[in-house]
PDB file of N, CA and C in Angstrom:
ATOM      1  N   MET A   1     134.699  73.272  84.521  1.00  0.00           N
ATOM      2  CA  MET A   1     134.860  74.560  85.185  1.00  0.00           C
ATOM      3  C   MET A   1     133.518  75.009  85.748  1.00  0.00           C
ATOM      4  N   LYS A   2     133.527  75.539  86.941  1.00  0.00           N
ATOM      5  CA  LYS A   2     132.301  75.986  87.599  1.00  0.00           C
ATOM      6  C   LYS A   2     131.781  77.277  86.980  1.00  0.00           C
ATOM      7  N   ASN A   3     130.492  77.439  87.043  1.00  0.00           N
ATOM      8  CA  ASN A   3     129.852  78.653  86.564  1.00  0.00           C
ATOM      9  C   ASN A   3     129.761  79.632  87.733  1.00  0.00           C
ATOM     10  N   ASN A   4     130.674  80.617  87.793  1.00  0.00           N
ATOM     11  CA  ASN A   4     130.723  81.556  88.913  1.00  0.00           C
ATOM     12  C   ASN A   4     129.496  82.448  88.974  1.00  0.00           C
ATOM     13  N   THR A   5     128.917  82.786  87.832  1.00  0.00           N
ATOM     14  CA  THR A   5     127.733  83.639  87.810  1.00  0.00           C
ATOM     15  C   THR A   5     126.575  82.939  88.498  1.00  0.00           C
ATOM     16  N   HIS A   6     126.409  81.651  88.210  1.00  0.00           N
ATOM     17  CA  HIS A   6     125.340  80.870  88.850  1.00  0.00           C
ATOM     18  C   HIS A   6     125.554  80.813  90.357  1.00  0.00           C
ATOM     19  N   ASP A   7     126.801  80.601  90.789  1.00  0.00           N
ATOM     20  CA  ASP A   7     127.121  80.531  92.213  1.00  0.00           C
ATOM     21  C   ASP A   7     126.814  81.852  92.907  1.00  0.00           C
ATOM     22  N   LYS A   8     127.122  82.979  92.268  1.00  0.00           N
ATOM     23  CA  LYS A   8     126.875  84.294  92.871  1.00  0.00           C
ATOM     24  C   LYS A   8     125.379  84.558  93.002  1.00  0.00           C
ATOM     25  N   LYS A   9     124.608  84.183  91.994  1.00  0.00           N
ATOM     26  CA  LYS A   9     123.154  84.383  92.052  1.00  0.00           C
ATOM     27  C   LYS A   9     122.548  83.525  93.162  1.00  0.00           C
ATOM     28  N   ARG A  10     122.985  82.282  93.241  1.00  0.00           N
ATOM     29  CA  ARG A  10     122.466  81.384  94.274  1.00  0.00           C
ATOM     30  C   ARG A  10     122.834  81.897  95.655  1.00  0.00           C
ATOM     31  N   ARG A  11     124.060  82.378  95.813  1.00  0.00           N
ATOM     32  CA  ARG A  11     124.519  82.903  97.091  1.00  0.00           C
ATOM     33  C   ARG A  11     123.698  84.133  97.493  1.00  0.00           C
ATOM     34  N   ALA A  12     123.413  85.031  96.540  1.00  0.00           N
ATOM     35  CA  ALA A  12     122.614  86.224  96.826  1.00  0.00           C
ATOM     36  C   ALA A  12     121.198  85.830  97.248  1.00  0.00           C
ATOM     37  N   LEU A  13     120.628  84.865  96.575  1.00  0.00           N
ATOM     38  CA  LEU A  13     119.283  84.396  96.925  1.00  0.00           C
ATOM     39  C   LEU A  13     119.259  83.797  98.323  1.00  0.00           C
ATOM     40  N   LEU A  14     120.236  82.959  98.634  1.00  0.00           N
ATOM     41  CA  LEU A  14     120.284  82.324  99.945  1.00  0.00           C
ATOM     42  C   LEU A  14     120.494  83.342 101.060  1.00  0.00           C
ATOM     43  N   LYS A  15     121.309  84.370 100.807  1.00  0.00           N
ATOM     44  CA  LYS A  15     121.508  85.412 101.816  1.00  0.00           C
ATOM     45  C   LYS A  15     120.195  86.137 102.085  1.00  0.00           C
ATOM     46  N   GLY A  16     119.464  86.451 101.029  1.00  0.00           N
ATOM     47  CA  GLY A  16     118.185  87.130 101.189  1.00  0.00           C
ATOM     48  C   GLY A  16     117.187  86.290 101.960  1.00  0.00           C
ATOM     49  N   LEU A  17     117.102  85.020 101.631  1.00  0.00           N
ATOM     50  CA  LEU A  17     116.158  84.135 102.311  1.00  0.00           C
ATOM     51  C   LEU A  17     116.559  83.880 103.761  1.00  0.00           C
ATOM     52  N   ALA A  18     117.854  83.814 104.023  1.00  0.00           N
ATOM     53  CA  ALA A  18     118.326  83.573 105.386  1.00  0.00           C
ATOM     54  C   ALA A  18     118.034  84.754 106.296  1.00  0.00           C
ATOM     55  N   SER A  19     117.904  85.944 105.728  1.00  0.00           N
ATOM     56  CA  SER A  19     117.679  87.126 106.555  1.00  0.00           C
ATOM     57  C   SER A  19     116.228  87.273 107.005  1.00  0.00           C
ATOM     58  N   ILE A  20     115.301  86.566 106.398  1.00  0.00           N
ATOM     59  CA  ILE A  20     113.880  86.722 106.728  1.00  0.00           C
ATOM     60  C   ILE A  20     113.587  86.452 108.204  1.00  0.00           C
ATOM     61  N   PRO A  21     114.004  85.313 108.768  1.00  0.00           N
ATOM     62  CA  PRO A  21     113.687  85.079 110.189  1.00  0.00           C
ATOM     63  C   PRO A  21     114.331  86.116 111.108  1.00  0.00           C
ATOM     64  N   VAL A  22     115.548  86.528 110.821  1.00  0.00           N
ATOM     65  CA  VAL A  22     116.237  87.513 111.651  1.00  0.00           C
ATOM     66  C   VAL A  22     115.496  88.844 111.598  1.00  0.00           C
ATOM     67  N   LEU A  23     115.127  89.285 110.403  1.00  0.00           N
ATOM     68  CA  LEU A  23     114.436  90.558 110.261  1.00  0.00           C
ATOM     69  C   LEU A  23     113.060  90.518 110.907  1.00  0.00           C
ATOM     70  N   THR A  24     112.403  89.391 110.835  1.00  0.00           N
ATOM     71  CA  THR A  24     111.088  89.250 111.446  1.00  0.00           C
ATOM     72  C   THR A  24     111.192  89.320 112.969  1.00  0.00           C
ATOM     73  N   LEU A  25     112.169  88.647 113.543  1.00  0.00           N
ATOM     74  CA  LEU A  25     112.340  88.638 114.998  1.00  0.00           C
ATOM     75  C   LEU A  25     112.752  89.991 115.558  1.00  0.00           C
ATOM     76  N   THR A  26     113.551  90.731 114.802  1.00  0.00           N
ATOM     77  CA  THR A  26     114.033  92.021 115.288  1.00  0.00           C
ATOM     78  C   THR A  26     113.057  93.144 114.993  1.00  0.00           C
ATOM     79  N   GLY A  27     112.014  92.894 114.222  1.00  0.00           N
ATOM     80  CA  GLY A  27     111.052  93.943 113.905  1.00  0.00           C
ATOM     81  C   GLY A  27     111.672  95.029 113.057  1.00  0.00           C
ATOM     82  N   TYR A  28     112.388  94.646 112.055  1.00  0.00           N
ATOM     83  CA  TYR A  28     113.088  95.588 111.175  1.00  0.00           C
ATOM     84  C   TYR A  28     112.165  96.695 110.688  1.00  0.00           C
ATOM     85  N   GLN A  29     112.572  97.929 110.926  1.00  0.00           N
ATOM     86  CA  GLN A  29     111.856  99.096 110.440  1.00  0.00           C
ATOM     87  C   GLN A  29     112.882 100.044 109.824  1.00  0.00           C
ATOM     88  N   PRO A  30     112.840 100.278 108.525  1.00  0.00           N
ATOM     89  CA  PRO A  30     113.802 101.185 107.921  1.00  0.00           C
ATOM     90  C   PRO A  30     113.591 102.611 108.427  1.00  0.00           C
ATOM     91  N   LEU A  31     114.686 103.329 108.658  1.00  0.00           N
ATOM     92  CA  LEU A  31     114.606 104.690 109.163  1.00  0.00           C
ATOM     93  C   LEU A  31     114.339 105.695 108.058  1.00  0.00           C
ATOM     94  N   ALA A  32     114.856 105.452 106.911  1.00  0.00           N
ATOM     95  CA  ALA A  32     114.689 106.379 105.797  1.00  0.00           C
ATOM     96  C   ALA A  32     114.068 105.629 104.623  1.00  0.00           C
ATOM     97  N   GLN A  33     113.583 106.392 103.662  1.00  0.00           N
ATOM     98  CA  GLN A  33     113.016 105.787 102.458  1.00  0.00           C
ATOM     99  C   GLN A  33     114.098 104.981 101.746  1.00  0.00           C
ATOM    100  N   ALA A  34     113.826 103.749 101.490  1.00  0.00           N
ATOM    101  CA  ALA A  34     114.782 102.878 100.816  1.00  0.00           C
ATOM    102  C   ALA A  34     114.680 103.071  99.308  1.00  0.00           C
ATOM    103  N   ALA A  35     115.722 102.680  98.619  1.00  0.00           N
ATOM    104  CA  ALA A  35     115.713 102.736  97.155  1.00  0.00           C
ATOM    105  C   ALA A  35     114.760 101.671  96.626  1.00  0.00           C
ATOM    106  N   MET A  36     114.182 101.937  95.487  1.00  0.00           N
ATOM    107  CA  MET A  36     113.291 100.957  94.862  1.00  0.00           C
ATOM    108  C   MET A  36     114.093  99.771  94.343  1.00  0.00           C
ATOM    109  N   LEU A  37     113.518  98.611  94.479  1.00  0.00           N
ATOM    110  CA  LEU A  37     114.125  97.387  93.964  1.00  0.00           C
ATOM    111  C   LEU A  37     114.100  97.410  92.447  1.00  0.00           C
ATOM    112  N   SER A  38     115.203  97.083  91.837  1.00  0.00           N
ATOM    113  CA  SER A  38     115.290  96.996  90.389  1.00  0.00           C
ATOM    114  C   SER A  38     114.994  95.571  89.940  1.00  0.00           C
ATOM    115  N   VAL A  39     114.304  95.429  88.828  1.00  0.00           N
ATOM    116  CA  VAL A  39     114.043  94.092  88.306  1.00  0.00           C
ATOM    117  C   VAL A  39     115.338  93.428  87.855  1.00  0.00           C
ATOM    118  N   ASP A  40     116.425  94.207  87.743  1.00  0.00           N
ATOM    119  CA  ASP A  40     117.726  93.670  87.350  1.00  0.00           C
ATOM    120  C   ASP A  40     118.551  93.193  88.545  1.00  0.00           C
ATOM    121  N   ASP A  41     118.072  93.428  89.767  1.00  0.00           N
ATOM    122  CA  ASP A  41     118.747  92.958  90.974  1.00  0.00           C
ATOM    123  C   ASP A  41     118.827  91.427  90.907  1.00  0.00           C
ATOM    124  N   PRO A  42     119.977  90.828  91.278  1.00  0.00           N
ATOM    125  CA  PRO A  42     120.112  89.369  91.178  1.00  0.00           C
ATOM    126  C   PRO A  42     119.049  88.586  91.948  1.00  0.00           C
ATOM    127  N   THR A  43     118.707  89.023  93.153  1.00  0.00           N
ATOM    128  CA  THR A  43     117.682  88.324  93.926  1.00  0.00           C
ATOM    129  C   THR A  43     116.315  88.502  93.282  1.00  0.00           C
ATOM    130  N   ALA A  44     116.044  89.708  92.785  1.00  0.00           N
ATOM    131  CA  ALA A  44     114.773  89.978  92.111  1.00  0.00           C
ATOM    132  C   ALA A  44     114.623  89.084  90.885  1.00  0.00           C
ATOM    133  N   LYS A  45     115.696  88.956  90.124  1.00  0.00           N
ATOM    134  CA  LYS A  45     115.652  88.082  88.938  1.00  0.00           C
ATOM    135  C   LYS A  45     115.409  86.631  89.346  1.00  0.00           C
ATOM    136  N   ALA A  46     116.103  86.185  90.388  1.00  0.00           N
ATOM    137  CA  ALA A  46     115.976  84.789  90.830  1.00  0.00           C
ATOM    138  C   ALA A  46     114.553  84.478  91.285  1.00  0.00           C
ATOM    139  N   LEU A  47     113.859  85.478  91.838  1.00  0.00           N
ATOM    140  CA  LEU A  47     112.501  85.269  92.339  1.00  0.00           C
ATOM    141  C   LEU A  47     111.432  85.749  91.369  1.00  0.00           C
ATOM    142  N   GLY A  48     111.828  86.127  90.160  1.00  0.00           N
ATOM    143  CA  GLY A  48     110.867  86.531  89.142  1.00  0.00           C
ATOM    144  C   GLY A  48     110.110  87.807  89.478  1.00  0.00           C
ATOM    145  N   TYR A  49     110.731  88.733  90.227  1.00  0.00           N
ATOM    146  CA  TYR A  49     110.063  89.971  90.636  1.00  0.00           C
ATOM    147  C   TYR A  49     109.686  90.819  89.421  1.00  0.00           C
ATOM    148  N   THR A  50     108.476  91.319  89.434  1.00  0.00           N
ATOM    149  CA  THR A  50     108.015  92.279  88.434  1.00  0.00           C
ATOM    150  C   THR A  50     107.395  93.457  89.161  1.00  0.00           C
ATOM    151  N   GLU A  51     107.467  94.635  88.571  1.00  0.00           N
ATOM    152  CA  GLU A  51     106.912  95.842  89.184  1.00  0.00           C
ATOM    153  C   GLU A  51     105.399  95.907  89.031  1.00  0.00           C
ATOM    154  N   LYS A  52     104.845  95.112  88.121  1.00  0.00           N
ATOM    155  CA  LYS A  52     103.399  95.047  87.921  1.00  0.00           C
ATOM    156  C   LYS A  52     103.020  93.580  87.767  1.00  0.00           C
ATOM    157  N   SER A  53     102.244  93.090  88.703  1.00  0.00           N
ATOM    158  CA  SER A  53     101.865  91.681  88.724  1.00  0.00           C
ATOM    159  C   SER A  53     101.045  91.296  87.498  1.00  0.00           C
ATOM    160  N   THR A  54     101.320  90.113  86.989  1.00  0.00           N
ATOM    161  CA  THR A  54     100.517  89.535  85.912  1.00  0.00           C
ATOM    162  C   THR A  54      99.763  88.305  86.417  1.00  0.00           C
ATOM    163  N   THR A  55      99.862  88.059  87.732  1.00  0.00           N
ATOM    164  CA  THR A  55      99.192  86.928  88.359  1.00  0.00           C
ATOM    165  C   THR A  55      97.904  87.430  89.022  1.00  0.00           C
ATOM    166  N   ALA A  56      96.784  86.968  88.550  1.00  0.00           N
ATOM    167  CA  ALA A  56      95.484  87.450  89.035  1.00  0.00           C
ATOM    168  C   ALA A  56      95.354  87.312  90.556  1.00  0.00           C
ATOM    169  N   GLY A  57      94.976  88.405  91.210  1.00  0.00           N
ATOM    170  CA  GLY A  57      94.724  88.390  92.638  1.00  0.00           C
ATOM    171  C   GLY A  57      95.959  88.352  93.520  1.00  0.00           C
ATOM    172  N   GLN A  58      97.155  88.456  92.935  1.00  0.00           N
ATOM    173  CA  GLN A  58      98.384  88.417  93.713  1.00  0.00           C
ATOM    174  C   GLN A  58      99.239  89.633  93.402  1.00  0.00           C
ATOM    175  N   THR A  59      99.436  90.483  94.396  1.00  0.00           N
ATOM    176  CA  THR A  59     100.341  91.625  94.284  1.00  0.00           C
ATOM    177  C   THR A  59     101.121  91.717  95.588  1.00  0.00           C
ATOM    178  N   CYS A  60     102.163  92.505  95.582  1.00  0.00           N
ATOM    179  CA  CYS A  60     102.922  92.714  96.818  1.00  0.00           C
ATOM    180  C   CYS A  60     102.012  93.292  97.906  1.00  0.00           C
ATOM    181  N   ALA A  61     101.078  94.157  97.524  1.00  0.00           N
ATOM    182  CA  ALA A  61     100.189  94.802  98.497  1.00  0.00           C
ATOM    183  C   ALA A  61      99.340  93.796  99.275  1.00  0.00           C
ATOM    184  N   ASN A  62      99.002  92.647  98.671  1.00  0.00           N
ATOM    185  CA  ASN A  62      98.208  91.660  99.402  1.00  0.00           C
ATOM    186  C   ASN A  62      99.032  90.420  99.779  1.00  0.00           C
ATOM    187  N   CYS A  63     100.353  90.615  99.820  1.00  0.00           N
ATOM    188  CA  CYS A  63     101.264  89.551 100.261  1.00  0.00           C
ATOM    189  C   CYS A  63     101.519  89.722 101.756  1.00  0.00           C
ATOM    190  N   ASN A  64     101.624  88.630 102.470  1.00  0.00           N
ATOM    191  CA  ASN A  64     101.871  88.655 103.905  1.00  0.00           C
ATOM    192  C   ASN A  64     103.223  89.269 104.257  1.00  0.00           C
ATOM    193  N   LEU A  65     104.178  89.258 103.341  1.00  0.00           N
ATOM    194  CA  LEU A  65     105.515  89.777 103.607  1.00  0.00           C
ATOM    195  C   LEU A  65     105.624  91.293 103.407  1.00  0.00           C
ATOM    196  N   TYR A  66     104.703  91.886 102.667  1.00  0.00           N
ATOM    197  CA  TYR A  66     104.753  93.314 102.337  1.00  0.00           C
ATOM    198  C   TYR A  66     104.535  94.158 103.585  1.00  0.00           C
ATOM    199  N   GLN A  67     105.398  95.153 103.804  1.00  0.00           N
ATOM    200  CA  GLN A  67     105.336  95.995 104.993  1.00  0.00           C
ATOM    201  C   GLN A  67     105.028  97.451 104.666  1.00  0.00           C
ATOM    202  N   GLY A  68     104.469  97.706 103.493  1.00  0.00           N
ATOM    203  CA  GLY A  68     104.216  99.083 103.072  1.00  0.00           C
ATOM    204  C   GLY A  68     102.841  99.609 103.393  1.00  0.00           C
ATOM    205  N   GLY A  69     101.993  98.794 104.012  1.00  0.00           N
ATOM    206  CA  GLY A  69     100.640  99.245 104.317  1.00  0.00           C
ATOM    207  C   GLY A  69      99.882  99.607 103.055  1.00  0.00           C
ATOM    208  N   ASP A  70      99.320 100.817 103.031  1.00  0.00           N
ATOM    209  CA  ASP A  70      98.555 101.281 101.868  1.00  0.00           C
ATOM    210  C   ASP A  70      99.389 102.100 100.893  1.00  0.00           C
ATOM    211  N   LYS A  71     100.691 102.186 101.123  1.00  0.00           N
ATOM    212  CA  LYS A  71     101.571 102.984 100.261  1.00  0.00           C
ATOM    213  C   LYS A  71     101.776 102.304  98.908  1.00  0.00           C
ATOM    214  N   ALA A  72     102.193 103.096  97.914  1.00  0.00           N
ATOM    215  CA  ALA A  72     102.455 102.578  96.567  1.00  0.00           C
ATOM    216  C   ALA A  72     103.712 101.718  96.521  1.00  0.00           C
ATOM    217  N   ALA A  73     104.569 101.837  97.533  1.00  0.00           N
ATOM    218  CA  ALA A  73     105.788 101.031  97.628  1.00  0.00           C
ATOM    219  C   ALA A  73     106.119 100.854  99.099  1.00  0.00           C
ATOM    220  N   GLY A  74     106.757  99.752  99.417  1.00  0.00           N
ATOM    221  CA  GLY A  74     107.120  99.504 100.805  1.00  0.00           C
ATOM    222  C   GLY A  74     108.153  98.413 100.938  1.00  0.00           C
ATOM    223  N   ALA A  75     108.574  98.193 102.162  1.00  0.00           N
ATOM    224  CA  ALA A  75     109.622  97.220 102.456  1.00  0.00           C
ATOM    225  C   ALA A  75     109.111  95.792 102.347  1.00  0.00           C
ATOM    226  N   CYS A  76     110.040  94.895 102.045  1.00  0.00           N
ATOM    227  CA  CYS A  76     109.780  93.463 102.021  1.00  0.00           C
ATOM    228  C   CYS A  76     111.034  92.775 102.551  1.00  0.00           C
ATOM    229  N   PRO A  77     110.916  91.893 103.544  1.00  0.00           N
ATOM    230  CA  PRO A  77     112.101  91.251 104.112  1.00  0.00           C
ATOM    231  C   PRO A  77     112.858  90.364 103.119  1.00  0.00           C
ATOM    232  N   ILE A  78     112.242  90.003 102.028  1.00  0.00           N
ATOM    233  CA  ILE A  78     112.937  89.218 101.001  1.00  0.00           C
ATOM    234  C   ILE A  78     114.034  90.059 100.345  1.00  0.00           C
ATOM    235  N   PHE A  79     113.801  91.376 100.267  1.00  0.00           N
ATOM    236  CA  PHE A  79     114.725  92.303  99.613  1.00  0.00           C
ATOM    237  C   PHE A  79     115.150  93.385 100.605  1.00  0.00           C
ATOM    238  N   PRO A  80     116.002  93.063 101.572  1.00  0.00           N
ATOM    239  CA  PRO A  80     116.393  94.014 102.618  1.00  0.00           C
ATOM    240  C   PRO A  80     116.988  95.298 102.039  1.00  0.00           C
ATOM    241  N   GLY A  81     116.546  96.429 102.609  1.00  0.00           N
ATOM    242  CA  GLY A  81     117.080  97.722 102.194  1.00  0.00           C
ATOM    243  C   GLY A  81     116.469  98.273 100.921  1.00  0.00           C
ATOM    244  N   LYS A  82     115.518  97.572 100.337  1.00  0.00           N
ATOM    245  CA  LYS A  82     114.873  98.008  99.097  1.00  0.00           C
ATOM    246  C   LYS A  82     113.367  98.028  99.281  1.00  0.00           C
ATOM    247  N   ASP A  83     112.719  98.965  98.606  1.00  0.00           N
ATOM    248  CA  ASP A  83     111.262  98.994  98.576  1.00  0.00           C
ATOM    249  C   ASP A  83     110.777  98.276  97.325  1.00  0.00           C
ATOM    250  N   VAL A  84     109.649  97.619  97.440  1.00  0.00           N
ATOM    251  CA  VAL A  84     109.023  96.953  96.297  1.00  0.00           C
ATOM    252  C   VAL A  84     107.735  97.681  95.952  1.00  0.00           C
ATOM    253  N   ALA A  85     107.331  97.601  94.706  1.00  0.00           N
ATOM    254  CA  ALA A  85     106.088  98.226  94.263  1.00  0.00           C
ATOM    255  C   ALA A  85     104.902  97.453  94.814  1.00  0.00           C
ATOM    256  N   ALA A  86     103.906  98.160  95.343  1.00  0.00           N
ATOM    257  CA  ALA A  86     102.706  97.502  95.870  1.00  0.00           C
ATOM    258  C   ALA A  86     102.017  96.692  94.776  1.00  0.00           C
ATOM    259  N   ALA A  87     102.129  97.139  93.535  1.00  0.00           N
ATOM    260  CA  ALA A  87     101.512  96.441  92.409  1.00  0.00           C
ATOM    261  C   ALA A  87     102.381  95.295  91.896  1.00  0.00           C
ATOM    262  N   GLY A  88     103.565  95.107  92.482  1.00  0.00           N
ATOM    263  CA  GLY A  88     104.508  94.096  92.021  1.00  0.00           C
ATOM    264  C   GLY A  88     104.144  92.685  92.460  1.00  0.00           C
ATOM    265  N   TRP A  89     105.035  91.747  92.133  1.00  0.00           N
ATOM    266  CA  TRP A  89     104.838  90.339  92.463  1.00  0.00           C
ATOM    267  C   TRP A  89     106.173  89.621  92.368  1.00  0.00           C
ATOM    268  N   CYS A  90     106.356  88.559  93.188  1.00  0.00           N
ATOM    269  CA  CYS A  90     107.498  87.661  93.039  1.00  0.00           C
ATOM    270  C   CYS A  90     107.060  86.257  93.462  1.00  0.00           C
ATOM    271  N   LYS A  91     107.930  85.289  93.229  1.00  0.00           N
ATOM    272  CA  LYS A  91     107.629  83.882  93.516  1.00  0.00           C
ATOM    273  C   LYS A  91     107.445  83.589  95.000  1.00  0.00           C
ATOM    274  N   SER A  92     107.847  84.531  95.861  1.00  0.00           N
ATOM    275  CA  SER A  92     107.714  84.337  97.310  1.00  0.00           C
ATOM    276  C   SER A  92     106.369  84.813  97.846  1.00  0.00           C
ATOM    277  N   TRP A  93     105.454  85.186  96.975  1.00  0.00           N
ATOM    278  CA  TRP A  93     104.146  85.710  97.386  1.00  0.00           C
ATOM    279  C   TRP A  93     103.441  84.718  98.307  1.00  0.00           C
ATOM    280  N   VAL A  94     102.915  85.256  99.440  1.00  0.00           N
ATOM    281  CA  VAL A  94     102.168  84.459 100.419  1.00  0.00           C
ATOM    282  C   VAL A  94     100.910  85.247 100.776  1.00  0.00           C
ATOM    283  N   ALA A  95      99.768  84.612 100.728  1.00  0.00           N
ATOM    284  CA  ALA A  95      98.514  85.295 101.035  1.00  0.00           C
ATOM    285  C   ALA A  95      98.517  85.829 102.463  1.00  0.00           C
ATOM    286  N   LYS A  96      97.953  87.020 102.649  1.00  0.00           N
ATOM    287  CA  LYS A  96      97.822  87.582 103.989  1.00  0.00           C
ATOM    288  C   LYS A  96      96.883  86.709 104.805  1.00  0.00           C
ATOM    289  N   ALA A  97      97.253  86.549 106.058  1.00  0.00           N
ATOM    290  CA  ALA A  97      96.445  85.705 106.945  1.00  0.00           C
ATOM    291  C   ALA A  97      95.148  86.380 107.332  1.00  0.00           C
TER     292      ALA A  97
END
C-alpha cells in the first residue's frame, strides 16, 4: 500500500519548487503583508526551515532568494504567499551574488 502522506509532502514540495521560475519571471510582488511561514508547513518541514538559523553565516536575510530587504521578515519564492523570518534558514539557502 502506498504512503499517501509521503506523496502529499512530495507533491507540495514539487509545487513550491516549480513555482520559482514563474515567480521570478513575473516579478512577483505581494500586495499585502503575507502570513508568516509556520515551521509545521509541509514544504517548510521538507526543506528543514527554521525561524532562527543554526548554520553559521547563513540566514534568510543573506540568501539570494530572500525578498524582504532589511525587514525582519519578507517574501521568498520557495514559500509563495508566506513571509519567512530574516533570521531563518532552509535547505534552499543560496549565497547572494
